[in-house]
PDB file of N, CA and C in Angstrom:
ATOM      1  N   UNK A   1       0.828  -1.493   0.554  1.00  0.00           N
ATOM      2  CA  UNK A   1       0.165  -0.073   0.043  1.00  0.00           C
ATOM      3  C   UNK A   1       0.963   1.234  -0.390  1.00  0.00           C
ATOM      4  N   UNK A   2       0.637   2.235  -0.996  1.00  0.00           N
ATOM      5  CA  UNK A   2       1.334   3.379  -1.106  1.00  0.00           C
ATOM      6  C   UNK A   2       1.196   4.187   0.321  1.00  0.00           C
ATOM      7  N   UNK A   3       2.763   4.728   0.919  1.00  0.00           N
ATOM      8  CA  UNK A   3       2.338   5.711   2.081  1.00  0.00           C
ATOM      9  C   UNK A   3       1.622   6.952   1.434  1.00  0.00           C
ATOM     10  N   UNK A   4       0.777   7.374   2.448  1.00  0.00           N
ATOM     11  CA  UNK A   4       0.659   8.652   2.079  1.00  0.00           C
ATOM     12  C   UNK A   4       1.382  10.180   2.209  1.00  0.00           C
ATOM     13  N   UNK A   5       1.352  10.868   1.862  1.00  0.00           N
ATOM     14  CA  UNK A   5       2.349  12.037   2.040  1.00  0.00           C
ATOM     15  C   UNK A   5       1.746  13.178   2.432  1.00  0.00           C
ATOM     16  N   UNK A   6       2.259  13.436   3.654  1.00  0.00           N
ATOM     17  CA  UNK A   6       1.596  14.529   4.571  1.00  0.00           C
ATOM     18  C   UNK A   6       1.831  15.937   4.658  1.00  0.00           C
ATOM     19  N   UNK A   7       1.443  16.476   4.999  1.00  0.00           N
ATOM     20  CA  UNK A   7       1.578  18.176   4.919  1.00  0.00           C
ATOM     21  C   UNK A   7       2.600  18.206   6.282  1.00  0.00           C
ATOM     22  N   UNK A   8       2.966  17.478   7.195  1.00  0.00           N
ATOM     23  CA  UNK A   8       3.904  17.299   8.227  1.00  0.00           C
ATOM     24  C   UNK A   8       5.034  17.096   7.471  1.00  0.00           C
ATOM     25  N   UNK A   9       4.955  16.011   6.682  1.00  0.00           N
ATOM     26  CA  UNK A   9       6.214  15.528   6.188  1.00  0.00           C
ATOM     27  C   UNK A   9       6.966  16.487   5.124  1.00  0.00           C
ATOM     28  N   UNK A  10       5.865  17.512   4.145  1.00  0.00           N
ATOM     29  CA  UNK A  10       6.124  18.559   3.842  1.00  0.00           C
ATOM     30  C   UNK A  10       6.744  19.479   4.383  1.00  0.00           C
ATOM     31  N   UNK A  11       6.456  19.561   5.818  1.00  0.00           N
ATOM     32  CA  UNK A  11       7.225  20.904   6.303  1.00  0.00           C
ATOM     33  C   UNK A  11       8.071  20.347   7.075  1.00  0.00           C
ATOM     34  N   UNK A  12       8.444  19.165   6.980  1.00  0.00           N
ATOM     35  CA  UNK A  12       9.520  18.558   7.747  1.00  0.00           C
ATOM     36  C   UNK A  12      10.877  19.146   6.412  1.00  0.00           C
ATOM     37  N   UNK A  13      11.036  18.622   5.358  1.00  0.00           N
ATOM     38  CA  UNK A  13      11.317  18.899   4.216  1.00  0.00           C
ATOM     39  C   UNK A  13      11.762  19.920   4.435  1.00  0.00           C
ATOM     40  N   UNK A  14      11.232  21.298   4.327  1.00  0.00           N
ATOM     41  CA  UNK A  14      11.243  22.754   3.832  1.00  0.00           C
ATOM     42  C   UNK A  14      11.898  22.881   5.244  1.00  0.00           C
ATOM     43  N   UNK A  15      11.472  22.762   6.386  1.00  0.00           N
ATOM     44  CA  UNK A  15      12.709  22.635   7.387  1.00  0.00           C
ATOM     45  C   UNK A  15      14.444  22.479   7.417  1.00  0.00           C
ATOM     46  N   UNK A  16      14.279  21.133   6.941  1.00  0.00           N
ATOM     47  CA  UNK A  16      15.677  20.988   6.569  1.00  0.00           C
ATOM     48  C   UNK A  16      16.244  22.032   5.461  1.00  0.00           C
ATOM     49  N   UNK A  17      15.356  22.402   4.648  1.00  0.00           N
ATOM     50  CA  UNK A  17      15.853  22.961   3.456  1.00  0.00           C
ATOM     51  C   UNK A  17      16.468  24.447   4.975  1.00  0.00           C
ATOM     52  N   UNK A  18      15.610  25.216   5.035  1.00  0.00           N
ATOM     53  CA  UNK A  18      16.012  26.082   5.923  1.00  0.00           C
ATOM     54  C   UNK A  18      16.845  26.451   7.323  1.00  0.00           C
ATOM     55  N   UNK A  19      16.940  25.170   7.186  1.00  0.00           N
ATOM     56  CA  UNK A  19      17.918  24.653   8.515  1.00  0.00           C
ATOM     57  C   UNK A  19      19.109  24.661   7.846  1.00  0.00           C
ATOM     58  N   UNK A  20      19.391  24.394   6.347  1.00  0.00           N
ATOM     59  CA  UNK A  20      20.865  24.364   5.753  1.00  0.00           C
ATOM     60  C   UNK A  20      21.251  23.064   6.125  1.00  0.00           C
ATOM     61  N   UNK A  21      20.627  21.798   6.345  1.00  0.00           N
ATOM     62  CA  UNK A  21      20.703  20.630   6.680  1.00  0.00           C
ATOM     63  C   UNK A  21      20.701  19.576   5.403  1.00  0.00           C
ATOM     64  N   UNK A  22      21.835  19.715   5.028  1.00  0.00           N
ATOM     65  CA  UNK A  22      21.985  18.775   3.529  1.00  0.00           C
ATOM     66  C   UNK A  22      21.815  17.313   4.032  1.00  0.00           C
ATOM     67  N   UNK A  23      22.425  16.898   4.629  1.00  0.00           N
ATOM     68  CA  UNK A  23      22.227  15.636   4.703  1.00  0.00           C
ATOM     69  C   UNK A  23      20.599  15.201   5.360  1.00  0.00           C
ATOM     70  N   UNK A  24      19.789  16.081   6.443  1.00  0.00           N
ATOM     71  CA  UNK A  24      18.694  15.899   6.657  1.00  0.00           C
ATOM     72  C   UNK A  24      17.751  15.972   4.973  1.00  0.00           C
ATOM     73  N   UNK A  25      18.279  16.859   4.329  1.00  0.00           N
ATOM     74  CA  UNK A  25      17.504  16.983   2.953  1.00  0.00           C
ATOM     75  C   UNK A  25      17.260  15.574   2.131  1.00  0.00           C
ATOM     76  N   UNK A  26      18.766  15.224   1.982  1.00  0.00           N
ATOM     77  CA  UNK A  26      18.907  13.940   0.922  1.00  0.00           C
ATOM     78  C   UNK A  26      18.427  13.128   1.979  1.00  0.00           C
ATOM     79  N   UNK A  27      18.420  13.138   3.018  1.00  0.00           N
ATOM     80  CA  UNK A  27      17.781  11.586   3.876  1.00  0.00           C
ATOM     81  C   UNK A  27      16.170  11.287   3.308  1.00  0.00           C
ATOM     82  N   UNK A  28      15.731  12.631   2.997  1.00  0.00           N
ATOM     83  CA  UNK A  28      14.333  11.948   2.534  1.00  0.00           C
ATOM     84  C   UNK A  28      14.267  11.489   1.008  1.00  0.00           C
ATOM     85  N   UNK A  29      15.188  11.588   0.082  1.00  0.00           N
ATOM     86  CA  UNK A  29      15.061  11.007  -1.172  1.00  0.00           C
ATOM     87  C   UNK A  29      15.483   9.761  -0.918  1.00  0.00           C
ATOM     88  N   UNK A  30      14.803   9.074  -1.648  1.00  0.00           N
ATOM     89  CA  UNK A  30      14.899   7.559  -2.257  1.00  0.00           C
ATOM     90  C   UNK A  30      16.095   7.223  -2.683  1.00  0.00           C
ATOM     91  N   UNK A  31      16.869   6.188  -2.800  1.00  0.00           N
ATOM     92  CA  UNK A  31      18.325   5.570  -3.202  1.00  0.00           C
ATOM     93  C   UNK A  31      18.531   6.503  -4.913  1.00  0.00           C
ATOM     94  N   UNK A  32      17.523   5.678  -5.401  1.00  0.00           N
ATOM     95  CA  UNK A  32      17.724   6.358  -6.824  1.00  0.00           C
ATOM     96  C   UNK A  32      16.997   7.622  -7.045  1.00  0.00           C
ATOM     97  N   UNK A  33      16.419   8.420  -6.304  1.00  0.00           N
ATOM     98  CA  UNK A  33      15.969   9.598  -5.967  1.00  0.00           C
ATOM     99  C   UNK A  33      16.789  11.032  -6.902  1.00  0.00           C
ATOM    100  N   UNK A  34      15.781  11.330  -7.458  1.00  0.00           N
ATOM    101  CA  UNK A  34      16.520  12.676  -8.571  1.00  0.00           C
ATOM    102  C   UNK A  34      15.716  14.106  -8.243  1.00  0.00           C
ATOM    103  N   UNK A  35      17.193  14.717  -8.240  1.00  0.00           N
ATOM    104  CA  UNK A  35      16.308  16.086  -7.930  1.00  0.00           C
ATOM    105  C   UNK A  35      16.431  17.054  -9.301  1.00  0.00           C
ATOM    106  N   UNK A  36      15.975  17.544  -9.936  1.00  0.00           N
ATOM    107  CA  UNK A  36      16.559  18.427 -11.230  1.00  0.00           C
ATOM    108  C   UNK A  36      16.434  19.956 -10.815  1.00  0.00           C
ATOM    109  N   UNK A  37      17.909  20.614 -10.852  1.00  0.00           N
ATOM    110  CA  UNK A  37      17.897  21.931 -10.439  1.00  0.00           C
ATOM    111  C   UNK A  37      17.390  22.832 -12.279  1.00  0.00           C
ATOM    112  N   UNK A  38      16.839  23.980 -11.317  1.00  0.00           N
ATOM    113  CA  UNK A  38      16.782  24.201 -12.501  1.00  0.00           C
ATOM    114  C   UNK A  38      17.050  25.487 -13.805  1.00  0.00           C
ATOM    115  N   UNK A  39      18.744  25.198 -13.501  1.00  0.00           N
ATOM    116  CA  UNK A  39      19.432  25.863 -14.608  1.00  0.00           C
ATOM    117  C   UNK A  39      20.248  24.435 -14.677  1.00  0.00           C
ATOM    118  N   UNK A  40      21.232  24.824 -15.461  1.00  0.00           N
ATOM    119  CA  UNK A  40      22.405  23.679 -15.814  1.00  0.00           C
ATOM    120  C   UNK A  40      22.571  23.625 -17.310  1.00  0.00           C
ATOM    121  N   UNK A  41      23.266  22.346 -17.287  1.00  0.00           N
ATOM    122  CA  UNK A  41      23.805  21.630 -18.824  1.00  0.00           C
ATOM    123  C   UNK A  41      22.949  21.078 -19.548  1.00  0.00           C
ATOM    124  N   UNK A  42      21.894  20.854 -18.882  1.00  0.00           N
ATOM    125  CA  UNK A  42      21.354  19.460 -19.439  1.00  0.00           C
ATOM    126  C   UNK A  42      19.816  20.212 -19.783  1.00  0.00           C
ATOM    127  N   UNK A  43      19.290  19.678 -20.594  1.00  0.00           N
ATOM    128  CA  UNK A  43      17.533  20.203 -20.855  1.00  0.00           C
ATOM    129  C   UNK A  43      16.883  19.938 -19.478  1.00  0.00           C
ATOM    130  N   UNK A  44      17.385  19.359 -18.414  1.00  0.00           N
ATOM    131  CA  UNK A  44      15.894  19.509 -17.520  1.00  0.00           C
ATOM    132  C   UNK A  44      16.938  20.483 -16.487  1.00  0.00           C
ATOM    133  N   UNK A  45      17.823  21.212 -16.717  1.00  0.00           N
ATOM    134  CA  UNK A  45      19.041  21.693 -15.896  1.00  0.00           C
ATOM    135  C   UNK A  45      19.931  20.997 -15.557  1.00  0.00           C
ATOM    136  N   UNK A  46      20.186  20.690 -14.344  1.00  0.00           N
ATOM    137  CA  UNK A  46      20.830  19.813 -14.057  1.00  0.00           C
ATOM    138  C   UNK A  46      20.433  18.684 -13.175  1.00  0.00           C
ATOM    139  N   UNK A  47      20.785  17.195 -13.120  1.00  0.00           N
ATOM    140  CA  UNK A  47      20.279  16.021 -12.802  1.00  0.00           C
ATOM    141  C   UNK A  47      20.689  15.862 -11.830  1.00  0.00           C
ATOM    142  N   UNK A  48      20.457  15.763 -10.519  1.00  0.00           N
ATOM    143  CA  UNK A  48      21.552  15.176  -9.412  1.00  0.00           C
ATOM    144  C   UNK A  48      20.712  14.125  -8.659  1.00  0.00           C
ATOM    145  N   UNK A  49      21.240  12.796  -8.730  1.00  0.00           N
ATOM    146  CA  UNK A  49      21.098  11.656  -8.815  1.00  0.00           C
ATOM    147  C   UNK A  49      21.703  10.797  -7.619  1.00  0.00           C
ATOM    148  N   UNK A  50      20.683  10.527  -6.582  1.00  0.00           N
ATOM    149  CA  UNK A  50      21.415  10.015  -5.474  1.00  0.00           C
ATOM    150  C   UNK A  50      21.522  10.953  -4.515  1.00  0.00           C
ATOM    151  N   UNK A  51      21.019  10.573  -2.730  1.00  0.00           N
ATOM    152  CA  UNK A  51      21.213  10.992  -1.863  1.00  0.00           C
ATOM    153  C   UNK A  51      22.550  11.770  -1.920  1.00  0.00           C
ATOM    154  N   UNK A  52      23.880  11.152  -2.042  1.00  0.00           N
ATOM    155  CA  UNK A  52      24.809  11.395  -1.928  1.00  0.00           C
ATOM    156  C   UNK A  52      25.221  12.974  -2.801  1.00  0.00           C
ATOM    157  N   UNK A  53      24.843  12.585  -4.344  1.00  0.00           N
ATOM    158  CA  UNK A  53      24.778  13.632  -5.200  1.00  0.00           C
ATOM    159  C   UNK A  53      23.929  15.176  -4.648  1.00  0.00           C
ATOM    160  N   UNK A  54      23.195  15.306  -4.148  1.00  0.00           N
ATOM    161  CA  UNK A  54      22.066  15.731  -3.737  1.00  0.00           C
ATOM    162  C   UNK A  54      22.461  16.671  -2.722  1.00  0.00           C
ATOM    163  N   UNK A  55      23.440  15.811  -1.437  1.00  0.00           N
ATOM    164  CA  UNK A  55      23.523  16.510  -0.510  1.00  0.00           C
ATOM    165  C   UNK A  55      25.069  17.000  -0.516  1.00  0.00           C
ATOM    166  N   UNK A  56      25.594  17.122  -1.114  1.00  0.00           N
ATOM    167  CA  UNK A  56      26.959  17.365  -2.096  1.00  0.00           C
ATOM    168  C   UNK A  56      26.879  18.936  -2.713  1.00  0.00           C
ATOM    169  N   UNK A  57      25.794  18.823  -3.807  1.00  0.00           N
ATOM    170  CA  UNK A  57      25.453  20.046  -3.983  1.00  0.00           C
ATOM    171  C   UNK A  57      24.465  21.184  -3.400  1.00  0.00           C
ATOM    172  N   UNK A  58      23.576  20.299  -2.119  1.00  0.00           N
ATOM    173  CA  UNK A  58      23.188  21.281  -1.695  1.00  0.00           C
ATOM    174  C   UNK A  58      24.130  22.051  -0.048  1.00  0.00           C
ATOM    175  N   UNK A  59      24.734  21.255   0.094  1.00  0.00           N
ATOM    176  CA  UNK A  59      25.888  21.309   0.755  1.00  0.00           C
ATOM    177  C   UNK A  59      26.759  22.999   0.108  1.00  0.00           C
ATOM    178  N   UNK A  60      26.974  22.731  -0.743  1.00  0.00           N
ATOM    179  CA  UNK A  60      27.674  24.214  -1.526  1.00  0.00           C
ATOM    180  C   UNK A  60      26.743  24.772  -1.606  1.00  0.00           C
ATOM    181  N   UNK A  61      25.451  24.759  -1.710  1.00  0.00           N
ATOM    182  CA  UNK A  61      24.559  25.856  -2.200  1.00  0.00           C
ATOM    183  C   UNK A  61      24.089  26.559  -0.647  1.00  0.00           C
ATOM    184  N   UNK A  62      23.776  25.748   0.252  1.00  0.00           N
ATOM    185  CA  UNK A  62      23.858  26.405   1.511  1.00  0.00           C
ATOM    186  C   UNK A  62      25.493  27.277   1.765  1.00  0.00           C
ATOM    187  N   UNK A  63      26.929  26.942   1.553  1.00  0.00           N
ATOM    188  CA  UNK A  63      27.970  27.811   1.680  1.00  0.00           C
ATOM    189  C   UNK A  63      28.072  28.932   0.770  1.00  0.00           C
ATOM    190  N   UNK A  64      27.701  28.948  -0.537  1.00  0.00           N
ATOM    191  CA  UNK A  64      27.678  29.675  -1.535  1.00  0.00           C
ATOM    192  C   UNK A  64      26.708  31.180  -0.701  1.00  0.00           C
ATOM    193  N   UNK A  65      25.622  30.479  -0.471  1.00  0.00           N
ATOM    194  CA  UNK A  65      24.415  31.511  -0.047  1.00  0.00           C
ATOM    195  C   UNK A  65      24.214  31.188   1.268  1.00  0.00           C
ATOM    196  N   UNK A  66      24.897  31.657   2.376  1.00  0.00           N
ATOM    197  CA  UNK A  66      24.611  31.064   3.422  1.00  0.00           C
ATOM    198  C   UNK A  66      23.037  32.228   4.126  1.00  0.00           C
ATOM    199  N   UNK A  67      22.741  32.794   3.967  1.00  0.00           N
ATOM    200  CA  UNK A  67      21.433  33.740   4.163  1.00  0.00           C
ATOM    201  C   UNK A  67      20.395  33.410   3.473  1.00  0.00           C
ATOM    202  N   UNK A  68      20.322  32.150   2.761  1.00  0.00           N
ATOM    203  CA  UNK A  68      19.011  31.814   1.482  1.00  0.00           C
ATOM    204  C   UNK A  68      18.372  31.168   2.740  1.00  0.00           C
ATOM    205  N   UNK A  69      16.963  31.197   2.327  1.00  0.00           N
ATOM    206  CA  UNK A  69      15.658  31.368   2.906  1.00  0.00           C
ATOM    207  C   UNK A  69      14.331  30.792   2.011  1.00  0.00           C
ATOM    208  N   UNK A  70      13.626  29.582   2.004  1.00  0.00           N
ATOM    209  CA  UNK A  70      12.725  29.811   1.402  1.00  0.00           C
ATOM    210  C   UNK A  70      11.400  29.775   2.403  1.00  0.00           C
ATOM    211  N   UNK A  71      10.244  31.145   1.073  1.00  0.00           N
ATOM    212  CA  UNK A  71       9.069  31.306   2.609  1.00  0.00           C
ATOM    213  C   UNK A  71       8.392  31.072   1.976  1.00  0.00           C
ATOM    214  N   UNK A  72       7.167  32.005   2.492  1.00  0.00           N
ATOM    215  CA  UNK A  72       5.962  31.942   1.791  1.00  0.00           C
ATOM    216  C   UNK A  72       5.119  30.576   1.264  1.00  0.00           C
ATOM    217  N   UNK A  73       5.499  29.538   1.696  1.00  0.00           N
ATOM    218  CA  UNK A  73       5.226  28.300   1.340  1.00  0.00           C
ATOM    219  C   UNK A  73       3.665  28.425   0.714  1.00  0.00           C
ATOM    220  N   UNK A  74       3.557  27.728   0.128  1.00  0.00           N
ATOM    221  CA  UNK A  74       2.434  26.626  -0.428  1.00  0.00           C
ATOM    222  C   UNK A  74       2.213  25.557  -0.888  1.00  0.00           C
ATOM    223  N   UNK A  75       1.642  24.634  -0.248  1.00  0.00           N
ATOM    224  CA  UNK A  75       1.561  23.036  -0.535  1.00  0.00           C
ATOM    225  C   UNK A  75       0.628  22.757  -0.909  1.00  0.00           C
ATOM    226  N   UNK A  76       0.190  21.638  -2.282  1.00  0.00           N
ATOM    227  CA  UNK A  76      -0.714  21.042  -2.763  1.00  0.00           C
ATOM    228  C   UNK A  76      -0.011  19.372  -2.667  1.00  0.00           C
ATOM    229  N   UNK A  77      -1.090  18.574  -1.854  1.00  0.00           N
ATOM    230  CA  UNK A  77      -0.584  17.177  -2.223  1.00  0.00           C
ATOM    231  C   UNK A  77      -1.591  16.444  -2.884  1.00  0.00           C
ATOM    232  N   UNK A  78      -1.087  15.233  -3.564  1.00  0.00           N
ATOM    233  CA  UNK A  78      -2.250  14.616  -4.790  1.00  0.00           C
ATOM    234  C   UNK A  78      -1.597  13.340  -4.759  1.00  0.00           C
ATOM    235  N   UNK A  79      -2.328  12.664  -3.864  1.00  0.00           N
ATOM    236  CA  UNK A  79      -1.856  10.854  -3.310  1.00  0.00           C
ATOM    237  C   UNK A  79       0.194  10.717  -3.699  1.00  0.00           C
ATOM    238  N   UNK A  80       0.533  10.826  -4.361  1.00  0.00           N
ATOM    239  CA  UNK A  80       2.094  10.338  -4.202  1.00  0.00           C
ATOM    240  C   UNK A  80       2.566  11.452  -4.770  1.00  0.00           C
ATOM    241  N   UNK A  81       1.875  12.712  -5.047  1.00  0.00           N
ATOM    242  CA  UNK A  81       2.375  13.777  -5.314  1.00  0.00           C
ATOM    243  C   UNK A  81       2.754  14.851  -5.028  1.00  0.00           C
ATOM    244  N   UNK A  82       2.846  16.220  -5.110  1.00  0.00           N
ATOM    245  CA  UNK A  82       2.656  17.271  -4.362  1.00  0.00           C
ATOM    246  C   UNK A  82       3.314  18.123  -4.993  1.00  0.00           C
ATOM    247  N   UNK A  83       2.926  19.717  -5.216  1.00  0.00           N
ATOM    248  CA  UNK A  83       3.305  20.825  -5.507  1.00  0.00           C
ATOM    249  C   UNK A  83       3.640  21.846  -4.452  1.00  0.00           C
ATOM    250  N   UNK A  84       4.314  22.439  -4.393  1.00  0.00           N
ATOM    251  CA  UNK A  84       5.082  23.657  -3.565  1.00  0.00           C
ATOM    252  C   UNK A  84       5.159  24.922  -4.285  1.00  0.00           C
ATOM    253  N   UNK A  85       4.800  25.719  -4.024  1.00  0.00           N
ATOM    254  CA  UNK A  85       4.679  27.462  -4.471  1.00  0.00           C
ATOM    255  C   UNK A  85       5.548  28.186  -3.275  1.00  0.00           C
ATOM    256  N   UNK A  86       6.817  28.824  -3.614  1.00  0.00           N
ATOM    257  CA  UNK A  86       7.653  29.344  -2.881  1.00  0.00           C
ATOM    258  C   UNK A  86       7.849  30.681  -3.002  1.00  0.00           C
ATOM    259  N   UNK A  87       8.617  31.485  -2.167  1.00  0.00           N
ATOM    260  CA  UNK A  87       9.736  32.713  -2.133  1.00  0.00           C
ATOM    261  C   UNK A  87      11.324  31.930  -1.895  1.00  0.00           C
ATOM    262  N   UNK A  88      11.967  32.520  -2.613  1.00  0.00           N
ATOM    263  CA  UNK A  88      13.587  32.400  -2.062  1.00  0.00           C
ATOM    264  C   UNK A  88      14.177  33.362  -2.056  1.00  0.00           C
ATOM    265  N   UNK A  89      14.983  33.834  -0.904  1.00  0.00           N
ATOM    266  CA  UNK A  89      15.145  35.263  -0.870  1.00  0.00           C
ATOM    267  C   UNK A  89      16.933  34.697   0.208  1.00  0.00           C
ATOM    268  N   UNK A  90      17.939  35.841  -0.267  1.00  0.00           N
ATOM    269  CA  UNK A  90      19.172  35.291   0.110  1.00  0.00           C
ATOM    270  C   UNK A  90      20.254  36.430  -0.716  1.00  0.00           C
ATOM    271  N   UNK A  91      21.212  36.414  -0.629  1.00  0.00           N
ATOM    272  CA  UNK A  91      22.483  36.429  -1.045  1.00  0.00           C
ATOM    273  C   UNK A  91      23.139  35.924  -2.215  1.00  0.00           C
ATOM    274  N   UNK A  92      23.387  35.499  -3.364  1.00  0.00           N
ATOM    275  CA  UNK A  92      23.980  35.052  -4.177  1.00  0.00           C
ATOM    276  C   UNK A  92      25.568  34.839  -4.286  1.00  0.00           C
ATOM    277  N   UNK A  93      26.266  34.105  -4.584  1.00  0.00           N
ATOM    278  CA  UNK A  93      27.920  33.990  -4.553  1.00  0.00           C
ATOM    279  C   UNK A  93      28.367  35.402  -4.674  1.00  0.00           C
ATOM    280  N   UNK A  94      28.017  36.024  -5.628  1.00  0.00           N
ATOM    281  CA  UNK A  94      28.402  37.333  -6.362  1.00  0.00           C
ATOM    282  C   UNK A  94      28.190  38.466  -5.697  1.00  0.00           C
ATOM    283  N   UNK A  95      27.291  38.452  -4.792  1.00  0.00           N
ATOM    284  CA  UNK A  95      26.784  39.544  -3.329  1.00  0.00           C
ATOM    285  C   UNK A  95      25.300  39.729  -4.458  1.00  0.00           C
ATOM    286  N   UNK A  96      24.668  39.066  -5.284  1.00  0.00           N
ATOM    287  CA  UNK A  96      23.847  39.921  -5.707  1.00  0.00           C
ATOM    288  C   UNK A  96      22.642  39.333  -4.907  1.00  0.00           C
ATOM    289  N   UNK A  97      21.277  39.928  -4.801  1.00  0.00           N
ATOM    290  CA  UNK A  97      20.526  39.631  -3.989  1.00  0.00           C
ATOM    291  C   UNK A  97      19.302  38.526  -4.738  1.00  0.00           C
ATOM    292  N   UNK A  98      19.181  37.650  -4.134  1.00  0.00           N
ATOM    293  CA  UNK A  98      18.349  36.761  -4.306  1.00  0.00           C
ATOM    294  C   UNK A  98      16.955  36.840  -4.238  1.00  0.00           C
ATOM    295  N   UNK A  99      16.079  37.155  -5.007  1.00  0.00           N
ATOM    296  CA  UNK A  99      14.700  37.121  -4.615  1.00  0.00           C
ATOM    297  C   UNK A  99      13.283  36.255  -5.507  1.00  0.00           C
ATOM    298  N   UNK A 100      13.124  35.320  -5.922  1.00  0.00           N
ATOM    299  CA  UNK A 100      12.934  34.594  -6.543  1.00  0.00           C
ATOM    300  C   UNK A 100      11.372  33.793  -6.236  1.00  0.00           C
ATOM    301  N   UNK A 101      10.567  33.982  -6.635  1.00  0.00           N
ATOM    302  CA  UNK A 101       9.194  32.835  -7.031  1.00  0.00           C
ATOM    303  C   UNK A 101       9.516  31.197  -7.337  1.00  0.00           C
ATOM    304  N   UNK A 102       9.387  30.660  -6.977  1.00  0.00           N
ATOM    305  CA  UNK A 102       9.270  29.613  -7.612  1.00  0.00           C
ATOM    306  C   UNK A 102       8.345  28.470  -6.953  1.00  0.00           C
ATOM    307  N   UNK A 103       8.533  27.004  -8.054  1.00  0.00           N
ATOM    308  CA  UNK A 103       7.551  26.214  -7.510  1.00  0.00           C
ATOM    309  C   UNK A 103       8.590  24.731  -7.783  1.00  0.00           C
ATOM    310  N   UNK A 104       8.185  23.977  -6.687  1.00  0.00           N
ATOM    311  CA  UNK A 104       8.645  22.385  -6.677  1.00  0.00           C
ATOM    312  C   UNK A 104       7.723  21.670  -6.969  1.00  0.00           C
ATOM    313  N   UNK A 105       8.000  20.208  -8.226  1.00  0.00           N
ATOM    314  CA  UNK A 105       6.946  19.016  -8.477  1.00  0.00           C
ATOM    315  C   UNK A 105       7.855  18.085  -7.410  1.00  0.00           C
ATOM    316  N   UNK A 106       6.962  17.324  -7.000  1.00  0.00           N
ATOM    317  CA  UNK A 106       7.597  16.751  -6.115  1.00  0.00           C
ATOM    318  C   UNK A 106       6.882  15.053  -6.723  1.00  0.00           C
ATOM    319  N   UNK A 107       7.712  13.713  -6.759  1.00  0.00           N
ATOM    320  CA  UNK A 107       6.797  12.582  -6.998  1.00  0.00           C
ATOM    321  C   UNK A 107       7.675  11.780  -5.740  1.00  0.00           C
ATOM    322  N   UNK A 108       6.403  10.762  -5.249  1.00  0.00           N
ATOM    323  CA  UNK A 108       7.401  10.072  -3.990  1.00  0.00           C
ATOM    324  C   UNK A 108       6.873   8.593  -3.965  1.00  0.00           C
ATOM    325  N   UNK A 109       7.979   7.653  -3.577  1.00  0.00           N
ATOM    326  CA  UNK A 109       7.645   6.212  -3.730  1.00  0.00           C
ATOM    327  C   UNK A 109       8.136   5.717  -2.470  1.00  0.00           C
ATOM    328  N   UNK A 110       7.098   5.164  -1.951  1.00  0.00           N
ATOM    329  CA  UNK A 110       7.281   4.317  -0.565  1.00  0.00           C
ATOM    330  C   UNK A 110       7.626   5.356   0.377  1.00  0.00           C
ATOM    331  N   UNK A 111       7.066   6.686   0.462  1.00  0.00           N
ATOM    332  CA  UNK A 111       7.155   7.901   1.217  1.00  0.00           C
ATOM    333  C   UNK A 111       9.042   8.189   0.927  1.00  0.00           C
ATOM    334  N   UNK A 112       9.164   8.007   0.082  1.00  0.00           N
ATOM    335  CA  UNK A 112      10.878   9.085  -0.578  1.00  0.00           C
ATOM    336  C   UNK A 112      10.389   9.603  -1.685  1.00  0.00           C
ATOM    337  N   UNK A 113      11.271  10.873  -1.569  1.00  0.00           N
ATOM    338  CA  UNK A 113      11.162  11.416  -2.533  1.00  0.00           C
ATOM    339  C   UNK A 113      11.555  10.724  -4.080  1.00  0.00           C
ATOM    340  N   UNK A 114      11.484  10.293  -5.138  1.00  0.00           N
ATOM    341  CA  UNK A 114      11.984   9.684  -6.211  1.00  0.00           C
ATOM    342  C   UNK A 114      12.067  10.857  -7.233  1.00  0.00           C
ATOM    343  N   UNK A 115      11.562  11.897  -6.988  1.00  0.00           N
ATOM    344  CA  UNK A 115      11.753  13.107  -8.052  1.00  0.00           C
ATOM    345  C   UNK A 115      11.407  14.698  -7.686  1.00  0.00           C
ATOM    346  N   UNK A 116      12.419  15.379  -7.867  1.00  0.00           N
ATOM    347  CA  UNK A 116      12.177  16.800  -7.424  1.00  0.00           C
ATOM    348  C   UNK A 116      12.330  17.809  -8.459  1.00  0.00           C
ATOM    349  N   UNK A 117      11.475  18.538  -8.826  1.00  0.00           N
ATOM    350  CA  UNK A 117      11.134  19.318 -10.042  1.00  0.00           C
ATOM    351  C   UNK A 117      11.574  20.676  -9.999  1.00  0.00           C
ATOM    352  N   UNK A 118      12.185  21.718  -9.766  1.00  0.00           N
ATOM    353  CA  UNK A 118      11.900  22.658  -9.727  1.00  0.00           C
ATOM    354  C   UNK A 118      12.088  24.157 -10.653  1.00  0.00           C
ATOM    355  N   UNK A 119      11.191  24.705 -10.505  1.00  0.00           N
ATOM    356  CA  UNK A 119      11.303  25.874 -11.535  1.00  0.00           C
ATOM    357  C   UNK A 119      11.310  27.188 -11.421  1.00  0.00           C
ATOM    358  N   UNK A 120      11.436  28.131 -11.550  1.00  0.00           N
ATOM    359  CA  UNK A 120      11.356  29.120 -10.928  1.00  0.00           C
ATOM    360  C   UNK A 120      11.441  31.042 -11.930  1.00  0.00           C
ATOM    361  N   UNK A 121      11.040  31.844 -11.872  1.00  0.00           N
ATOM    362  CA  UNK A 121      10.376  32.996 -12.627  1.00  0.00           C
ATOM    363  C   UNK A 121      12.325  33.097 -12.950  1.00  0.00           C
ATOM    364  N   UNK A 122      12.455  34.029 -13.397  1.00  0.00           N
ATOM    365  CA  UNK A 122      14.080  34.904 -13.730  1.00  0.00           C
ATOM    366  C   UNK A 122      13.736  36.361 -14.158  1.00  0.00           C
ATOM    367  N   UNK A 123      14.235  37.338 -13.191  1.00  0.00           N
ATOM    368  CA  UNK A 123      13.869  38.278 -13.192  1.00  0.00           C
ATOM    369  C   UNK A 123      14.858  39.225 -14.355  1.00  0.00           C
ATOM    370  N   UNK A 124      14.721  39.602 -15.163  1.00  0.00           N
ATOM    371  CA  UNK A 124      15.473  40.591 -16.495  1.00  0.00           C
ATOM    372  C   UNK A 124      15.411  41.782 -16.495  1.00  0.00           C
ATOM    373  N   UNK A 125      16.094  42.481 -16.401  1.00  0.00           N
ATOM    374  CA  UNK A 125      16.270  43.910 -16.504  1.00  0.00           C
ATOM    375  C   UNK A 125      16.580  44.466 -17.904  1.00  0.00           C
TER     376      UNK A 125
END
C-alpha cells in the first residue's frame, strides 16, 4: 500500500532546507531519487541522482549563500505527488540579491522522494 504524503512531511522537508541541513534533506530522497535543478547544462537543468550527489550540491549551495531561505510556501498534495510554491531570498555568491518566486513538483515512492523538479521565475531588466 502506498504511504500517504502529509503536510507534516512536506513541512519537515522545508525545515531541513531552511535549516541548511543538507544531510537531512538528502535523507528524504530514495536511493535512486533525482533532484532536477532549474538551471544547468542539461535540458532538465542539472540532474542530481542519489542522496550523496544531492547532499553535496546542497552543501555547496548553503555555503555559497549562507542566508538563503524559502518562505511564503504553499503546498498541495495529490496522493504520491505534491506541488509547492515558494519565495526564495538570500545573497548570491557574487553578492547580488536573490529574490525569486518558484515551485517544486514532487514525486514520492514508499514515502521517499523519487523526483524533485524545480521551476522559478527569472527576473530580467
